[in-house]
Amino acid sequence: MQSKILVVLVVLLCISGCTGIVLADGGSDNGGGSSSGSSSDSGNSGSSSSDSGGSSSSDSGNSGSSSSDSGGSSSSGPDQSSGSQVETSGTQSQDQIHSPDQSQSQDQSQSSDQTRSQDQIHYPDQLQSQDQLQSSDQVQQQDRIYQEDVTRYFSEVQQRQQELQSEPGLSNDQRNYELATYSLSIAGSVARNDSPDLTRLYQEIQQSMTTIDQTQQQIRDRDPLTRTLLGGDAQAAQTLLQTTTQNQDRIREMDQLLLNCTTCDSQVRQQLEDQLQVLSQNQTQLQQYAQQELNNRGWFGWLFR
């Protein structure tokens, strides 16, 4: 009977010891402080608490290491950005050293553009008034220059007229024709926008005068007997008639340009129109001369025409 009681007590002691060990292991897994307090009665519990504390410290150390690595990698971005900014600043400094005038000019131009853009936003009416004033000043300056050209033009025409009056052996028609050609030759400075066209047309007329002089001389040099038998020089007369007709077309075109020149000085326009009239009369006389030569067929000229 007593042996059975001893066996029961031993079994109970074993069961209570195993229960304490299990509780000690669970406490060390959940936390170091409470397991350490509960393991003061058992040596096995203290050692497991010590092992648990060591592994916790190791994990904490690894966590700190990973935090350090993470901090190191994240801090590399700002360093690279500041490096690129330093390089850009260095490049700008070198550009300012090597070409300071160009950099300063660019800065001034940009500043001026920015200022004007801001003024256009804030003061549009004021800027428009300034532009109108500048345009008005330019127009007034151009008008002053034009009036000086007009004064010079009439002075030169008058001087040429006096020279022709003093030349002996010239008829009135010849003097008028010479004055007309001279007046038209220097009209480029007083014809405003029509100057290029007027100059071109007058030069074409002057170039044709070589042909006119040659054909007139050829008609005058025709033998009298040949003229009596065969009539006038039909070929030279036809060339003269064709050339003078072309000149009349040019004169009409020049006259139309003057009529449309609303910005020309009125006295200049009247002067040039008068000279074109003289030139047209001269060409009309040459046309009549050429037609008379064509009409002269002599005795037998009708056989060859």
C-alpha atoms as a PDB file:
ATOM      1  CA  MET A   1       0.000   0.000   0.000  1.00  0.00           C
ATOM      2  CA  GLN A   2       2.764   2.394   0.907  1.00  0.00           C
ATOM      3  CA  SER A   3       4.678   1.513  -2.266  1.00  0.00           C
ATOM      4  CA  LYS A   4       1.691   2.471  -4.373  1.00  0.00           C
ATOM      5  CA  ILE A   5       1.477   5.825  -2.583  1.00  0.00           C
ATOM      6  CA  LEU A   6       5.181   6.489  -3.291  1.00  0.00           C
ATOM      7  CA  VAL A   7       4.704   5.635  -6.945  1.00  0.00           C
ATOM      8  CA  VAL A   8       1.785   8.111  -7.188  1.00  0.00           C
ATOM      9  CA  LEU A   9       3.867  10.884  -5.540  1.00  0.00           C
ATOM     10  CA  VAL A  10       6.790  10.283  -7.915  1.00  0.00           C
ATOM     11  CA  VAL A  11       4.413  10.426 -10.903  1.00  0.00           C
ATOM     12  CA  LEU A  12       2.935  13.675  -9.613  1.00  0.00           C
ATOM     13  CA  LEU A  13       6.383  15.196  -9.086  1.00  0.00           C
ATOM     14  CA  CYS A  14       7.413  14.233 -12.610  1.00  0.00           C
ATOM     15  CA  ILE A  15       4.224  15.682 -14.050  1.00  0.00           C
ATOM     16  CA  SER A  16       4.696  18.979 -12.160  1.00  0.00           C
ATOM     17  CA  GLY A  17       8.308  19.227 -13.288  1.00  0.00           C
ATOM     18  CA  CYS A  18       7.427  18.689 -16.936  1.00  0.00           C
ATOM     19  CA  THR A  19       4.683  21.302 -16.693  1.00  0.00           C
ATOM     20  CA  GLY A  20       7.161  23.866 -15.320  1.00  0.00           C
ATOM     21  CA  ILE A  21       9.597  23.212 -18.157  1.00  0.00           C
ATOM     22  CA  VAL A  22       6.862  23.672 -20.787  1.00  0.00           C
ATOM     23  CA  LEU A  23       5.714  26.903 -19.184  1.00  0.00           C
ATOM     24  CA  ALA A  24       9.304  28.150 -19.027  1.00  0.00           C
ATOM     25  CA  ASP A  25       9.890  27.448 -22.750  1.00  0.00           C
ATOM     26  CA  GLY A  26       6.665  29.291 -23.681  1.00  0.00           C
ATOM     27  CA  GLY A  27       7.615  32.315 -21.627  1.00  0.00           C
ATOM     28  CA  SER A  28      11.089  32.558 -23.169  1.00  0.00           C
ATOM     29  CA  ASP A  29       9.595  32.486 -26.684  1.00  0.00           C
ATOM     30  CA  ASN A  30       7.119  35.264 -25.910  1.00  0.00           C
ATOM     31  CA  GLY A  31       9.404  37.708 -24.081  1.00  0.00           C
ATOM     32  CA  GLY A  32      12.695  37.934 -22.263  1.00  0.00           C
ATOM     33  CA  GLY A  33      11.655  39.871 -19.145  1.00  0.00           C
ATOM     34  CA  SER A  34       8.845  37.679 -17.837  1.00  0.00           C
ATOM     35  CA  SER A  35      10.623  34.367 -18.646  1.00  0.00           C
ATOM     36  CA  SER A  36      13.678  35.572 -16.811  1.00  0.00           C
ATOM     37  CA  GLY A  37      11.571  36.290 -13.702  1.00  0.00           C
ATOM     38  CA  SER A  38       9.791  32.929 -13.793  1.00  0.00           C
ATOM     39  CA  SER A  39      12.953  30.888 -14.380  1.00  0.00           C
ATOM     40  CA  SER A  40      14.600  31.845 -11.074  1.00  0.00           C
ATOM     41  CA  ASP A  41      13.445  28.503  -9.511  1.00  0.00           C
ATOM     42  CA  SER A  42      14.792  26.341 -12.369  1.00  0.00           C
ATOM     43  CA  GLY A  43      18.268  26.326 -13.949  1.00  0.00           C
ATOM     44  CA  ASN A  44      16.985  24.949 -17.235  1.00  0.00           C
ATOM     45  CA  SER A  45      14.627  27.894 -17.548  1.00  0.00           C
ATOM     46  CA  GLY A  46      17.496  30.370 -17.053  1.00  0.00           C
ATOM     47  CA  SER A  47      19.586  28.842 -19.782  1.00  0.00           C
ATOM     48  CA  SER A  48      16.738  28.881 -22.268  1.00  0.00           C
ATOM     49  CA  SER A  49      16.076  32.511 -21.336  1.00  0.00           C
ATOM     50  CA  SER A  50      19.719  33.298 -21.965  1.00  0.00           C
ATOM     51  CA  ASP A  51      19.603  31.629 -25.378  1.00  0.00           C
ATOM     52  CA  SER A  52      16.450  33.492 -26.251  1.00  0.00           C
ATOM     53  CA  GLY A  53      17.981  36.813 -25.244  1.00  0.00           C
ATOM     54  CA  GLY A  54      21.029  36.168 -27.403  1.00  0.00           C
ATOM     55  CA  SER A  55      19.002  35.374 -30.465  1.00  0.00           C
ATOM     56  CA  SER A  56      16.901  38.495 -29.890  1.00  0.00           C
ATOM     57  CA  SER A  57      20.026  40.647 -29.732  1.00  0.00           C
ATOM     58  CA  SER A  58      21.359  39.055 -32.897  1.00  0.00           C
ATOM     59  CA  ASP A  59      18.110  39.753 -34.700  1.00  0.00           C
ATOM     60  CA  SER A  60      18.210  43.318 -33.442  1.00  0.00           C
ATOM     61  CA  GLY A  61      21.747  43.661 -34.703  1.00  0.00           C
ATOM     62  CA  ASN A  62      20.800  42.370 -38.120  1.00  0.00           C
ATOM     63  CA  SER A  63      17.878  44.773 -38.189  1.00  0.00           C
ATOM     64  CA  GLY A  64      20.203  47.646 -37.328  1.00  0.00           C
ATOM     65  CA  SER A  65      22.556  46.544 -40.076  1.00  0.00           C
ATOM     66  CA  SER A  66      19.781  46.514 -42.632  1.00  0.00           C
ATOM     67  CA  SER A  67      18.684  49.941 -41.448  1.00  0.00           C
ATOM     68  CA  SER A  68      22.225  51.185 -41.904  1.00  0.00           C
ATOM     69  CA  ASP A  69      22.401  49.745 -45.401  1.00  0.00           C
ATOM     70  CA  SER A  70      19.090  51.289 -46.272  1.00  0.00           C
ATOM     71  CA  GLY A  71      20.218  54.674 -44.976  1.00  0.00           C
ATOM     72  CA  GLY A  72      23.423  54.459 -46.940  1.00  0.00           C
ATOM     73  CA  SER A  73      21.736  53.656 -50.219  1.00  0.00           C
ATOM     74  CA  SER A  74      19.112  56.374 -49.812  1.00  0.00           C
ATOM     75  CA  SER A  75      21.737  59.015 -49.050  1.00  0.00           C
ATOM     76  CA  SER A  76      23.602  58.404 -52.338  1.00  0.00           C
ATOM     77  CA  GLY A  77      20.869  60.250 -54.439  1.00  0.00           C
ATOM     78  CA  PRO A  78      21.342  63.777 -52.982  1.00  0.00           C
ATOM     79  CA  ASP A  79      25.103  63.465 -53.272  1.00  0.00           C
ATOM     80  CA  GLN A  80      24.847  62.718 -57.006  1.00  0.00           C
ATOM     81  CA  SER A  81      22.363  65.584 -57.556  1.00  0.00           C
ATOM     82  CA  SER A  82      24.626  68.057 -55.804  1.00  0.00           C
ATOM     83  CA  GLY A  83      27.535  66.791 -57.918  1.00  0.00           C
ATOM     84  CA  SER A  84      25.703  67.459 -61.171  1.00  0.00           C
ATOM     85  CA  GLN A  85      24.740  70.925 -59.929  1.00  0.00           C
ATOM     86  CA  VAL A  86      28.375  71.661 -59.141  1.00  0.00           C
ATOM     87  CA  GLU A  87      29.428  70.547 -62.631  1.00  0.00           C
ATOM     88  CA  THR A  88      26.751  72.762 -64.277  1.00  0.00           C
ATOM     89  CA  SER A  89      27.774  75.733 -62.173  1.00  0.00           C
ATOM     90  CA  GLY A  90      31.413  75.125 -63.104  1.00  0.00           C
ATOM     91  CA  THR A  91      30.559  75.048 -66.822  1.00  0.00           C
ATOM     92  CA  GLN A  92      28.644  78.325 -66.567  1.00  0.00           C
ATOM     93  CA  SER A  93      31.557  79.910 -64.717  1.00  0.00           C
ATOM     94  CA  GLN A  94      33.987  78.799 -67.435  1.00  0.00           C
ATOM     95  CA  ASP A  95      31.690  80.235 -70.156  1.00  0.00           C
ATOM     96  CA  GLN A  96      31.589  83.548 -68.331  1.00  0.00           C
ATOM     97  CA  ILE A  97      35.384  83.557 -68.096  1.00  0.00           C
ATOM     98  CA  HIS A  98      36.009  82.747 -71.778  1.00  0.00           C
ATOM     99  CA  SER A  99      33.221  84.881 -73.319  1.00  0.00           C
ATOM    100  CA  PRO A 100      32.063  87.468 -70.757  1.00  0.00           C
ATOM    101  CA  ASP A 101      30.838  89.976 -73.394  1.00  0.00           C
ATOM    102  CA  GLN A 102      28.698  87.397 -75.158  1.00  0.00           C
ATOM    103  CA  SER A 103      27.203  86.156 -71.891  1.00  0.00           C
ATOM    104  CA  GLN A 104      26.514  89.712 -70.786  1.00  0.00           C
ATOM    105  CA  SER A 105      24.939  90.544 -74.156  1.00  0.00           C
ATOM    106  CA  GLN A 106      22.707  87.478 -73.969  1.00  0.00           C
ATOM    107  CA  ASP A 107      21.681  88.346 -70.420  1.00  0.00           C
ATOM    108  CA  GLN A 108      20.875  91.927 -71.443  1.00  0.00           C
ATOM    109  CA  SER A 109      18.881  90.746 -74.456  1.00  0.00           C
ATOM    110  CA  GLN A 110      16.906  88.281 -72.370  1.00  0.00           C
ATOM    111  CA  SER A 111      16.315  90.932 -69.726  1.00  0.00           C
ATOM    112  CA  SER A 112      15.147  93.413 -72.381  1.00  0.00           C
ATOM    113  CA  ASP A 113      12.787  90.869 -73.933  1.00  0.00           C
ATOM    114  CA  GLN A 114      11.388  89.955 -70.537  1.00  0.00           C
ATOM    115  CA  THR A 115      10.912  93.623 -69.649  1.00  0.00           C
ATOM    116  CA  ARG A 116       9.138  94.339 -72.935  1.00  0.00           C
ATOM    117  CA  SER A 117       6.940  91.279 -72.544  1.00  0.00           C
ATOM    118  CA  GLN A 118       5.978  92.402 -69.058  1.00  0.00           C
ATOM    119  CA  ASP A 119       5.333  95.938 -70.336  1.00  0.00           C
ATOM    120  CA  GLN A 120       3.139  94.574 -73.101  1.00  0.00           C
ATOM    121  CA  ILE A 121       1.095  92.770 -70.472  1.00  0.00           C
ATOM    122  CA  HIS A 122       0.848  95.654 -68.016  1.00  0.00           C
ATOM    123  CA  TYR A 123       1.061  98.713 -70.314  1.00  0.00           C
ATOM    124  CA  PRO A 124      -0.143  97.739 -73.835  1.00  0.00           C
ATOM    125  CA  ASP A 125      -1.496 101.208 -74.645  1.00  0.00           C
ATOM    126  CA  GLN A 126       1.731 102.929 -73.652  1.00  0.00           C
ATOM    127  CA  LEU A 127       3.858 100.633 -75.814  1.00  0.00           C
ATOM    128  CA  GLN A 128       1.535 101.121 -78.765  1.00  0.00           C
ATOM    129  CA  SER A 129       1.881 104.878 -78.392  1.00  0.00           C
ATOM    130  CA  GLN A 130       5.675 104.579 -78.354  1.00  0.00           C
ATOM    131  CA  ASP A 131       5.637 102.493 -81.548  1.00  0.00           C
ATOM    132  CA  GLN A 132       3.380 105.034 -83.224  1.00  0.00           C
ATOM    133  CA  LEU A 133       5.726 107.849 -82.243  1.00  0.00           C
ATOM    134  CA  GLN A 134       8.726 105.994 -83.627  1.00  0.00           C
ATOM    135  CA  SER A 135       6.877 105.293 -86.878  1.00  0.00           C
ATOM    136  CA  SER A 136       5.856 108.944 -87.128  1.00  0.00           C
ATOM    137  CA  ASP A 137       9.462 110.072 -86.626  1.00  0.00           C
ATOM    138  CA  GLN A 138      10.641 107.738 -89.380  1.00  0.00           C
ATOM    139  CA  VAL A 139       8.000 109.073 -91.784  1.00  0.00           C
ATOM    140  CA  GLN A 140       8.974 112.656 -91.024  1.00  0.00           C
ATOM    141  CA  GLN A 141      12.640 111.869 -91.602  1.00  0.00           C
ATOM    142  CA  GLN A 142      11.851 110.227 -94.948  1.00  0.00           C
ATOM    143  CA  ASP A 143       9.800 113.264 -95.966  1.00  0.00           C
ATOM    144  CA  ARG A 144      12.678 115.599 -95.140  1.00  0.00           C
ATOM    145  CA  ILE A 145      15.058 113.527 -97.254  1.00  0.00           C
ATOM    146  CA  TYR A 146      12.568 113.456-100.135  1.00  0.00           C
ATOM    147  CA  GLN A 147      12.117 117.234-100.057  1.00  0.00           C
ATOM    148  CA  GLU A 148      15.879 117.650-100.225  1.00  0.00           C
ATOM    149  CA  ASP A 149      15.943 115.380-103.297  1.00  0.00           C
ATOM    150  CA  VAL A 150      13.163 117.421-104.915  1.00  0.00           C
ATOM    151  CA  THR A 151      15.044 120.669-104.350  1.00  0.00           C
ATOM    152  CA  ARG A 152      18.208 119.174-105.805  1.00  0.00           C
ATOM    153  CA  TYR A 153      16.300 117.795-108.805  1.00  0.00           C
ATOM    154  CA  PHE A 154      14.828 121.164-109.837  1.00  0.00           C
ATOM    155  CA  SER A 155      18.175 122.847-109.314  1.00  0.00           C
ATOM    156  CA  GLU A 156      19.905 120.395-111.686  1.00  0.00           C
ATOM    157  CA  VAL A 157      17.137 120.673-114.300  1.00  0.00           C
ATOM    158  CA  GLN A 158      17.351 124.458-114.224  1.00  0.00           C
ATOM    159  CA  GLN A 159      21.119 124.353-114.589  1.00  0.00           C
ATOM    160  CA  ARG A 160      20.844 122.036-117.595  1.00  0.00           C
ATOM    161  CA  GLN A 161      18.260 124.318-119.210  1.00  0.00           C
ATOM    162  CA  GLN A 162      20.617 127.269-118.932  1.00  0.00           C
ATOM    163  CA  GLU A 163      23.386 125.235-120.534  1.00  0.00           C
ATOM    164  CA  LEU A 164      21.167 124.312-123.487  1.00  0.00           C
ATOM    165  CA  GLN A 165      20.126 127.913-123.988  1.00  0.00           C
ATOM    166  CA  SER A 166      23.755 128.934-124.307  1.00  0.00           C
ATOM    167  CA  GLU A 167      24.597 126.248-126.898  1.00  0.00           C
ATOM    168  CA  PRO A 168      24.516 127.620-130.449  1.00  0.00           C
ATOM    169  CA  GLY A 169      23.041 125.824-133.450  1.00  0.00           C
ATOM    170  CA  LEU A 170      20.205 124.093-131.610  1.00  0.00           C
ATOM    171  CA  SER A 171      16.565 124.556-132.541  1.00  0.00           C
ATOM    172  CA  ASN A 172      13.859 124.907-129.919  1.00  0.00           C
ATOM    173  CA  ASP A 173      12.676 121.363-130.577  1.00  0.00           C
ATOM    174  CA  GLN A 174      16.165 120.016-130.043  1.00  0.00           C
ATOM    175  CA  ARG A 175      16.597 121.975-126.815  1.00  0.00           C
ATOM    176  CA  ASN A 176      13.260 120.757-125.515  1.00  0.00           C
ATOM    177  CA  TYR A 177      14.102 117.183-126.428  1.00  0.00           C
ATOM    178  CA  GLU A 178      17.507 117.316-124.729  1.00  0.00           C
ATOM    179  CA  LEU A 179      15.993 118.840-121.596  1.00  0.00           C
ATOM    180  CA  ALA A 180      13.273 116.204-121.539  1.00  0.00           C
ATOM    181  CA  THR A 181      15.732 113.320-121.773  1.00  0.00           C
ATOM    182  CA  TYR A 182      17.919 114.838-119.054  1.00  0.00           C
ATOM    183  CA  SER A 183      14.959 115.460-116.716  1.00  0.00           C
ATOM    184  CA  LEU A 184      13.801 111.867-117.090  1.00  0.00           C
ATOM    185  CA  SER A 185      17.295 110.470-116.615  1.00  0.00           C
ATOM    186  CA  ILE A 186      17.600 111.937-113.091  1.00  0.00           C
ATOM    187  CA  ALA A 187      13.975 111.361-112.035  1.00  0.00           C
ATOM    188  CA  GLY A 188      14.768 108.184-110.113  1.00  0.00           C
ATOM    189  CA  SER A 189      15.380 110.057-106.847  1.00  0.00           C
ATOM    190  CA  VAL A 190      12.035 111.905-106.886  1.00  0.00           C
ATOM    191  CA  ALA A 191       9.596 109.270-108.188  1.00  0.00           C
ATOM    192  CA  ARG A 192       9.147 107.508-104.855  1.00  0.00           C
ATOM    193  CA  ASN A 193       8.129 103.845-105.216  1.00  0.00           C
ATOM    194  CA  ASP A 194       7.854 104.121-109.001  1.00  0.00           C
ATOM    195  CA  SER A 195      11.523 105.001-109.396  1.00  0.00           C
ATOM    196  CA  PRO A 196      12.677 101.485-110.476  1.00  0.00           C
ATOM    197  CA  ASP A 197      10.005 101.175-113.183  1.00  0.00           C
ATOM    198  CA  LEU A 198      10.508 104.707-114.486  1.00  0.00           C
ATOM    199  CA  THR A 199      14.253 104.231-114.631  1.00  0.00           C
ATOM    200  CA  ARG A 200      13.918 100.906-116.453  1.00  0.00           C
ATOM    201  CA  LEU A 201      11.514 102.285-119.075  1.00  0.00           C
ATOM    202  CA  TYR A 202      13.633 105.353-119.719  1.00  0.00           C
ATOM    203  CA  GLN A 203      16.757 103.216-120.150  1.00  0.00           C
ATOM    204  CA  GLU A 204      14.923 101.077-122.708  1.00  0.00           C
ATOM    205  CA  ILE A 205      14.009 104.221-124.643  1.00  0.00           C
ATOM    206  CA  GLN A 206      17.591 105.437-124.539  1.00  0.00           C
ATOM    207  CA  GLN A 207      18.883 102.096-125.781  1.00  0.00           C
ATOM    208  CA  SER A 208      16.464 102.250-128.698  1.00  0.00           C
ATOM    209  CA  MET A 209      17.822 105.653-129.734  1.00  0.00           C
ATOM    210  CA  THR A 210      20.893 103.927-131.189  1.00  0.00           C
ATOM    211  CA  THR A 211      18.674 101.985-133.580  1.00  0.00           C
ATOM    212  CA  ILE A 212      16.697 105.136-134.413  1.00  0.00           C
ATOM    213  CA  ASP A 213      19.828 107.112-135.283  1.00  0.00           C
ATOM    214  CA  GLN A 214      21.164 104.283-137.454  1.00  0.00           C
ATOM    215  CA  THR A 215      17.938 103.880-139.425  1.00  0.00           C
ATOM    216  CA  GLN A 216      17.607 107.643-139.938  1.00  0.00           C
ATOM    217  CA  GLN A 217      21.146 107.807-141.264  1.00  0.00           C
ATOM    218  CA  GLN A 218      20.477 104.854-143.563  1.00  0.00           C
ATOM    219  CA  ILE A 219      17.400 106.584-145.008  1.00  0.00           C
ATOM    220  CA  ARG A 220      19.283 109.842-145.591  1.00  0.00           C
ATOM    221  CA  ASP A 221      22.164 108.044-147.296  1.00  0.00           C
ATOM    222  CA  ARG A 222      19.949 106.362-149.915  1.00  0.00           C
ATOM    223  CA  ASP A 223      21.039 107.176-153.457  1.00  0.00           C
ATOM    224  CA  PRO A 224      18.730 109.737-155.185  1.00  0.00           C
ATOM    225  CA  LEU A 225      18.499 107.689-158.392  1.00  0.00           C
ATOM    226  CA  THR A 226      17.611 104.559-156.437  1.00  0.00           C
ATOM    227  CA  ARG A 227      15.033 106.524-154.544  1.00  0.00           C
ATOM    228  CA  THR A 228      13.536 107.816-157.795  1.00  0.00           C
ATOM    229  CA  LEU A 229      13.377 104.399-159.426  1.00  0.00           C
ATOM    230  CA  LEU A 230      12.633 102.098-156.482  1.00  0.00           C
ATOM    231  CA  GLY A 231      11.376 104.489-153.829  1.00  0.00           C
ATOM    232  CA  GLY A 232      12.481 104.835-150.231  1.00  0.00           C
ATOM    233  CA  ASP A 233      14.355 102.356-148.037  1.00  0.00           C
ATOM    234  CA  ALA A 234      11.433 100.218-146.928  1.00  0.00           C
ATOM    235  CA  GLN A 235      13.476  98.023-144.592  1.00  0.00           C
ATOM    236  CA  ALA A 236      14.999 100.942-142.638  1.00  0.00           C
ATOM    237  CA  ALA A 237      11.637 102.731-142.532  1.00  0.00           C
ATOM    238  CA  GLN A 238       9.934  99.626-141.167  1.00  0.00           C
ATOM    239  CA  THR A 239      12.575  99.252-138.441  1.00  0.00           C
ATOM    240  CA  LEU A 240      12.211 102.910-137.497  1.00  0.00           C
ATOM    241  CA  LEU A 241       8.416 102.672-137.353  1.00  0.00           C
ATOM    242  CA  GLN A 242       8.510  99.562-135.182  1.00  0.00           C
ATOM    243  CA  THR A 243      11.026 101.071-132.733  1.00  0.00           C
ATOM    244  CA  THR A 244       9.156 104.352-132.309  1.00  0.00           C
ATOM    245  CA  THR A 245       5.888 102.494-131.736  1.00  0.00           C
ATOM    246  CA  GLN A 246       7.488 100.529-128.914  1.00  0.00           C
ATOM    247  CA  ASN A 247       8.778 103.765-127.411  1.00  0.00           C
ATOM    248  CA  GLN A 248       5.314 105.262-127.483  1.00  0.00           C
ATOM    249  CA  ASP A 249       4.055 102.294-125.491  1.00  0.00           C
ATOM    250  CA  ARG A 250       6.818 102.840-122.947  1.00  0.00           C
ATOM    251  CA  ILE A 251       5.962 106.534-122.667  1.00  0.00           C
ATOM    252  CA  ARG A 252       2.298 105.774-122.014  1.00  0.00           C
ATOM    253  CA  GLU A 253       3.304 103.309-119.314  1.00  0.00           C
ATOM    254  CA  MET A 254       5.541 105.913-117.661  1.00  0.00           C
ATOM    255  CA  ASP A 255       2.755 108.459-117.775  1.00  0.00           C
ATOM    256  CA  GLN A 256       0.402 106.008-116.067  1.00  0.00           C
ATOM    257  CA  LEU A 257       2.935 105.397-113.317  1.00  0.00           C
ATOM    258  CA  LEU A 258       3.115 109.128-112.630  1.00  0.00           C
ATOM    259  CA  LEU A 259      -0.660 109.412-112.493  1.00  0.00           C
ATOM    260  CA  ASN A 260      -0.787 106.658-109.885  1.00  0.00           C
ATOM    261  CA  CYS A 261       2.048 108.108-107.817  1.00  0.00           C
ATOM    262  CA  THR A 262      -0.040 109.761-105.088  1.00  0.00           C
ATOM    263  CA  THR A 263       2.986 110.277-102.796  1.00  0.00           C
ATOM    264  CA  CYS A 264       5.026 112.125-105.437  1.00  0.00           C
ATOM    265  CA  ASP A 265       5.505 115.855-105.184  1.00  0.00           C
ATOM    266  CA  SER A 266       2.901 117.596-107.352  1.00  0.00           C
ATOM    267  CA  GLN A 267       5.465 119.861-109.035  1.00  0.00           C
ATOM    268  CA  VAL A 268       7.714 116.893-109.777  1.00  0.00           C
ATOM    269  CA  ARG A 269       4.833 114.952-111.281  1.00  0.00           C
ATOM    270  CA  GLN A 270       3.844 117.894-113.476  1.00  0.00           C
ATOM    271  CA  GLN A 271       7.451 118.417-114.590  1.00  0.00           C
ATOM    272  CA  LEU A 272       7.876 114.779-115.588  1.00  0.00           C
ATOM    273  CA  GLU A 273       4.535 114.656-117.385  1.00  0.00           C
ATOM    274  CA  ASP A 274       5.564 117.672-119.450  1.00  0.00           C
ATOM    275  CA  GLN A 275       8.868 116.053-120.372  1.00  0.00           C
ATOM    276  CA  LEU A 276       7.105 112.823-121.356  1.00  0.00           C
ATOM    277  CA  GLN A 277       4.879 114.879-123.630  1.00  0.00           C
ATOM    278  CA  VAL A 278       7.924 116.337-125.353  1.00  0.00           C
ATOM    279  CA  LEU A 279       9.415 112.877-125.749  1.00  0.00           C
ATOM    280  CA  SER A 280       6.151 111.542-127.176  1.00  0.00           C
ATOM    281  CA  GLN A 281       6.014 114.355-129.747  1.00  0.00           C
ATOM    282  CA  ASN A 282       9.544 113.502-130.864  1.00  0.00           C
ATOM    283  CA  GLN A 283       8.599 109.854-131.377  1.00  0.00           C
ATOM    284  CA  THR A 284       5.481 110.895-133.296  1.00  0.00           C
ATOM    285  CA  GLN A 285       7.607 112.953-135.700  1.00  0.00           C
ATOM    286  CA  LEU A 286       9.892 109.958-136.263  1.00  0.00           C
ATOM    287  CA  GLN A 287       6.886 107.752-136.970  1.00  0.00           C
ATOM    288  CA  GLN A 288       5.653 110.198-139.573  1.00  0.00           C
ATOM    289  CA  TYR A 289       9.096 110.288-141.159  1.00  0.00           C
ATOM    290  CA  ALA A 290       9.196 106.485-141.342  1.00  0.00           C
ATOM    291  CA  GLN A 291       5.710 106.343-142.868  1.00  0.00           C
ATOM    292  CA  GLN A 292       6.663 108.833-145.596  1.00  0.00           C
ATOM    293  CA  GLU A 293       9.643 106.656-146.477  1.00  0.00           C
ATOM    294  CA  LEU A 294       7.384 103.630-146.767  1.00  0.00           C
ATOM    295  CA  ASN A 295       4.914 105.486-148.969  1.00  0.00           C
ATOM    296  CA  ASN A 296       7.644 106.536-151.434  1.00  0.00           C
ATOM    297  CA  ARG A 297       7.646 103.671-153.966  1.00  0.00           C
ATOM    298  CA  GLY A 298       9.355 105.432-156.899  1.00  0.00           C
ATOM    299  CA  TRP A 299       8.663 104.375-160.453  1.00  0.00           C
ATOM    300  CA  PHE A 300       9.092 100.647-160.058  1.00  0.00           C
ATOM    301  CA  GLY A 301       9.107 100.125-156.325  1.00  0.00           C
ATOM    302  CA  TRP A 302       5.591  98.732-156.383  1.00  0.00           C
ATOM    303  CA  LEU A 303       6.988  95.706-158.243  1.00  0.00           C
ATOM    304  CA  PHE A 304       9.125  94.704-155.242  1.00  0.00           C
ATOM    305  CA  ARG A 305       6.752  95.396-152.348  1.00  0.00           C
END
